[in-house]
Amino acid sequence: MTSRDPVEWQPVCPLSELEIERGALALVHGQAVALFRVDETTVHALANHDPFDRHATLTRWIVGRDGDVPFVASPAHKHAFDLRTGQCLDDPHVSVTVYDVKVADGMVLVGHRKPVAVDVSPPAAPRG
């Protein structure tokens, strides 16, 4: 009997089909996933869901870098999310689901959701 990889990797597309600093949409394990290629070999995957306005628009957002942090930002409300962790850079209480990604033999493979490592509870309602 062979050891089975605990992550079920779904082939999505050849790496060469993803443009650098552009978003692409894929259906992975039944979920809409936004893929972002940030350089020649690195791809990140987040749920294609904006937690602020609840639209599926992440693939159309702006890809950038703040120092060592690759991010994607909404052109409408300007909130930015770390592509590695899904954490909102402007609000520590908000994040987007992140998926495992690897590139093997030139093919982009997406795994399951990464465990949430931060508190993503909504901020407390303002007093008044």
C-alpha atoms as a PDB file:
ATOM      1  CA  MET A   1       0.000   0.000   0.000  1.00  0.00           C
ATOM      2  CA  THR A   2       1.321   3.479  -0.843  1.00  0.00           C
ATOM      3  CA  SER A   3       1.195   6.576   1.307  1.00  0.00           C
ATOM      4  CA  ARG A   4      -1.419   9.021   0.065  1.00  0.00           C
ATOM      5  CA  ASP A   5      -0.828  12.789  -0.091  1.00  0.00           C
ATOM      6  CA  PRO A   6      -3.172  14.289   2.548  1.00  0.00           C
ATOM      7  CA  VAL A   7      -3.929  17.212   0.217  1.00  0.00           C
ATOM      8  CA  GLU A   8      -5.934  16.412  -2.877  1.00  0.00           C
ATOM      9  CA  TRP A   9      -4.279  18.488  -5.584  1.00  0.00           C
ATOM     10  CA  GLN A  10      -6.484  19.585  -8.468  1.00  0.00           C
ATOM     11  CA  PRO A  11      -4.719  20.500 -11.738  1.00  0.00           C
ATOM     12  CA  VAL A  12      -5.946  23.924 -12.819  1.00  0.00           C
ATOM     13  CA  CYS A  13      -3.889  25.127 -15.791  1.00  0.00           C
ATOM     14  CA  PRO A  14      -0.347  25.341 -17.152  1.00  0.00           C
ATOM     15  CA  LEU A  15       1.710  28.007 -15.363  1.00  0.00           C
ATOM     16  CA  SER A  16       2.420  29.605 -18.742  1.00  0.00           C
ATOM     17  CA  GLU A  17      -1.299  30.464 -19.123  1.00  0.00           C
ATOM     18  CA  LEU A  18      -1.282  32.732 -16.052  1.00  0.00           C
ATOM     19  CA  GLU A  19      -0.136  36.294 -16.616  1.00  0.00           C
ATOM     20  CA  ILE A  20       2.169  37.837 -14.015  1.00  0.00           C
ATOM     21  CA  GLU A  21       0.341  40.287 -11.703  1.00  0.00           C
ATOM     22  CA  ARG A  22      -3.085  39.390 -13.117  1.00  0.00           C
ATOM     23  CA  GLY A  23      -5.933  37.408 -11.612  1.00  0.00           C
ATOM     24  CA  ALA A  24      -7.531  34.306 -13.115  1.00  0.00           C
ATOM     25  CA  LEU A  25     -10.602  32.382 -11.991  1.00  0.00           C
ATOM     26  CA  ALA A  26     -10.758  28.613 -11.487  1.00  0.00           C
ATOM     27  CA  LEU A  27     -13.300  26.189 -10.055  1.00  0.00           C
ATOM     28  CA  VAL A  28     -11.448  24.109  -7.459  1.00  0.00           C
ATOM     29  CA  HIS A  29     -13.123  21.481  -5.279  1.00  0.00           C
ATOM     30  CA  GLY A  30     -16.432  23.153  -6.169  1.00  0.00           C
ATOM     31  CA  GLN A  31     -15.285  26.632  -5.052  1.00  0.00           C
ATOM     32  CA  ALA A  32     -14.515  29.754  -7.107  1.00  0.00           C
ATOM     33  CA  VAL A  33     -10.821  30.445  -6.548  1.00  0.00           C
ATOM     34  CA  ALA A  34      -8.839  33.507  -7.639  1.00  0.00           C
ATOM     35  CA  LEU A  35      -5.316  32.665  -8.832  1.00  0.00           C
ATOM     36  CA  PHE A  36      -2.536  35.251  -8.826  1.00  0.00           C
ATOM     37  CA  ARG A  37       0.865  34.678 -10.416  1.00  0.00           C
ATOM     38  CA  VAL A  38       3.274  37.155  -8.814  1.00  0.00           C
ATOM     39  CA  ASP A  39       6.533  36.183 -10.553  1.00  0.00           C
ATOM     40  CA  GLU A  40       8.001  33.545 -12.847  1.00  0.00           C
ATOM     41  CA  THR A  41       7.283  30.640 -10.472  1.00  0.00           C
ATOM     42  CA  THR A  42       4.998  31.793  -7.632  1.00  0.00           C
ATOM     43  CA  VAL A  43       1.205  31.463  -7.661  1.00  0.00           C
ATOM     44  CA  HIS A  44      -1.214  32.259  -4.825  1.00  0.00           C
ATOM     45  CA  ALA A  45      -4.860  31.211  -4.541  1.00  0.00           C
ATOM     46  CA  LEU A  46      -7.613  32.911  -2.554  1.00  0.00           C
ATOM     47  CA  ALA A  47     -11.369  32.505  -2.430  1.00  0.00           C
ATOM     48  CA  ASN A  48     -12.854  34.785  -5.101  1.00  0.00           C
ATOM     49  CA  HIS A  49     -14.932  36.640  -2.516  1.00  0.00           C
ATOM     50  CA  ASP A  50     -14.671  40.226  -1.296  1.00  0.00           C
ATOM     51  CA  PRO A  51     -15.596  40.149   2.407  1.00  0.00           C
ATOM     52  CA  PHE A  52     -16.414  43.869   2.412  1.00  0.00           C
ATOM     53  CA  ASP A  53     -18.977  44.071  -0.381  1.00  0.00           C
ATOM     54  CA  ARG A  54     -19.705  40.328  -0.762  1.00  0.00           C
ATOM     55  CA  HIS A  55     -19.047  40.243  -4.515  1.00  0.00           C
ATOM     56  CA  ALA A  56     -16.988  37.663  -6.383  1.00  0.00           C
ATOM     57  CA  THR A  57     -14.506  40.147  -7.822  1.00  0.00           C
ATOM     58  CA  LEU A  58     -10.993  39.377  -6.522  1.00  0.00           C
ATOM     59  CA  THR A  59      -9.710  38.273  -9.932  1.00  0.00           C
ATOM     60  CA  ARG A  60     -10.245  41.847 -11.186  1.00  0.00           C
ATOM     61  CA  TRP A  61      -8.366  43.511  -8.352  1.00  0.00           C
ATOM     62  CA  ILE A  62      -4.949  45.200  -8.469  1.00  0.00           C
ATOM     63  CA  VAL A  63      -1.904  43.031  -7.706  1.00  0.00           C
ATOM     64  CA  GLY A  64       1.045  44.705  -6.011  1.00  0.00           C
ATOM     65  CA  ARG A  65       3.809  44.400  -3.450  1.00  0.00           C
ATOM     66  CA  ASP A  66       4.525  46.298  -0.243  1.00  0.00           C
ATOM     67  CA  GLY A  67       8.118  45.396   0.609  1.00  0.00           C
ATOM     68  CA  ASP A  68       8.114  41.592   0.890  1.00  0.00           C
ATOM     69  CA  VAL A  69       4.307  41.343   1.049  1.00  0.00           C
ATOM     70  CA  PRO A  70       2.504  40.455  -2.193  1.00  0.00           C
ATOM     71  CA  PHE A  71      -1.059  41.732  -2.056  1.00  0.00           C
ATOM     72  CA  VAL A  72      -4.254  42.177  -4.030  1.00  0.00           C
ATOM     73  CA  ALA A  73      -6.296  45.357  -3.524  1.00  0.00           C
ATOM     74  CA  SER A  74      -9.788  46.427  -4.428  1.00  0.00           C
ATOM     75  CA  PRO A  75      -9.882  49.348  -6.849  1.00  0.00           C
ATOM     76  CA  ALA A  76     -13.240  50.368  -5.325  1.00  0.00           C
ATOM     77  CA  HIS A  77     -12.717  50.399  -1.546  1.00  0.00           C
ATOM     78  CA  LYS A  78      -8.888  50.181  -1.478  1.00  0.00           C
ATOM     79  CA  HIS A  79      -8.676  47.328   1.062  1.00  0.00           C
ATOM     80  CA  ALA A  80      -5.651  45.102   0.412  1.00  0.00           C
ATOM     81  CA  PHE A  81      -5.139  41.429   1.278  1.00  0.00           C
ATOM     82  CA  ASP A  82      -1.852  39.557   1.748  1.00  0.00           C
ATOM     83  CA  LEU A  83      -1.749  36.915  -1.002  1.00  0.00           C
ATOM     84  CA  ARG A  84       0.192  34.506   1.247  1.00  0.00           C
ATOM     85  CA  THR A  85      -2.178  34.581   4.230  1.00  0.00           C
ATOM     86  CA  GLY A  86      -5.421  36.189   3.049  1.00  0.00           C
ATOM     87  CA  GLN A  87      -5.173  38.679   5.923  1.00  0.00           C
ATOM     88  CA  CYS A  88      -6.559  42.168   5.249  1.00  0.00           C
ATOM     89  CA  LEU A  89      -3.692  44.654   5.565  1.00  0.00           C
ATOM     90  CA  ASP A  90      -6.089  47.396   6.688  1.00  0.00           C
ATOM     91  CA  ASP A  91      -8.310  45.522   9.144  1.00  0.00           C
ATOM     92  CA  PRO A  92      -6.869  42.699  11.298  1.00  0.00           C
ATOM     93  CA  HIS A  93     -10.353  41.257  11.859  1.00  0.00           C
ATOM     94  CA  VAL A  94     -10.962  40.460   8.178  1.00  0.00           C
ATOM     95  CA  SER A  95      -9.399  37.837   5.924  1.00  0.00           C
ATOM     96  CA  VAL A  96     -10.036  35.862   2.762  1.00  0.00           C
ATOM     97  CA  THR A  97      -9.705  32.087   2.552  1.00  0.00           C
ATOM     98  CA  VAL A  98      -6.335  30.941   1.170  1.00  0.00           C
ATOM     99  CA  TYR A  99      -5.686  27.693  -0.701  1.00  0.00           C
ATOM    100  CA  ASP A 100      -2.535  25.574  -0.951  1.00  0.00           C
ATOM    101  CA  VAL A 101      -0.841  25.944  -4.356  1.00  0.00           C
ATOM    102  CA  LYS A 102       2.082  24.214  -5.997  1.00  0.00           C
ATOM    103  CA  VAL A 103       3.547  24.069  -9.476  1.00  0.00           C
ATOM    104  CA  ALA A 104       4.663  20.649 -10.703  1.00  0.00           C
ATOM    105  CA  ASP A 105       5.997  19.958 -14.193  1.00  0.00           C
ATOM    106  CA  GLY A 106       4.706  23.345 -15.346  1.00  0.00           C
ATOM    107  CA  MET A 107       1.147  22.672 -14.109  1.00  0.00           C
ATOM    108  CA  VAL A 108      -0.557  24.769 -11.402  1.00  0.00           C
ATOM    109  CA  LEU A 109      -2.164  22.544  -8.765  1.00  0.00           C
ATOM    110  CA  VAL A 110      -4.505  23.832  -6.073  1.00  0.00           C
ATOM    111  CA  GLY A 111      -5.153  21.960  -2.849  1.00  0.00           C
ATOM    112  CA  HIS A 112      -7.524  22.514   0.014  1.00  0.00           C
ATOM    113  CA  ARG A 113      -8.152  25.577   2.116  1.00  0.00           C
ATOM    114  CA  LYS A 114      -5.374  26.490   4.477  1.00  0.00           C
ATOM    115  CA  PRO A 115      -6.332  26.572   8.145  1.00  0.00           C
ATOM    116  CA  VAL A 116      -7.175  30.030   9.440  1.00  0.00           C
ATOM    117  CA  ALA A 117      -4.348  31.209  11.675  1.00  0.00           C
ATOM    118  CA  VAL A 118      -5.853  34.535  12.737  1.00  0.00           C
ATOM    119  CA  ASP A 119      -9.021  35.750  14.429  1.00  0.00           C
ATOM    120  CA  VAL A 120     -11.452  36.607  11.645  1.00  0.00           C
ATOM    121  CA  SER A 121     -14.404  37.579  13.812  1.00  0.00           C
ATOM    122  CA  PRO A 122     -16.147  40.767  12.697  1.00  0.00           C
ATOM    123  CA  PRO A 123     -15.226  43.955  14.532  1.00  0.00           C
ATOM    124  CA  ALA A 124     -17.436  45.021  17.405  1.00  0.00           C
ATOM    125  CA  ALA A 125     -20.299  47.362  16.549  1.00  0.00           C
ATOM    126  CA  PRO A 126     -19.563  51.008  17.298  1.00  0.00           C
ATOM    127  CA  ARG A 127     -20.967  52.326  20.538  1.00  0.00           C
ATOM    128  CA  GLY A 128     -23.391  55.122  20.367  1.00  0.00           C
END
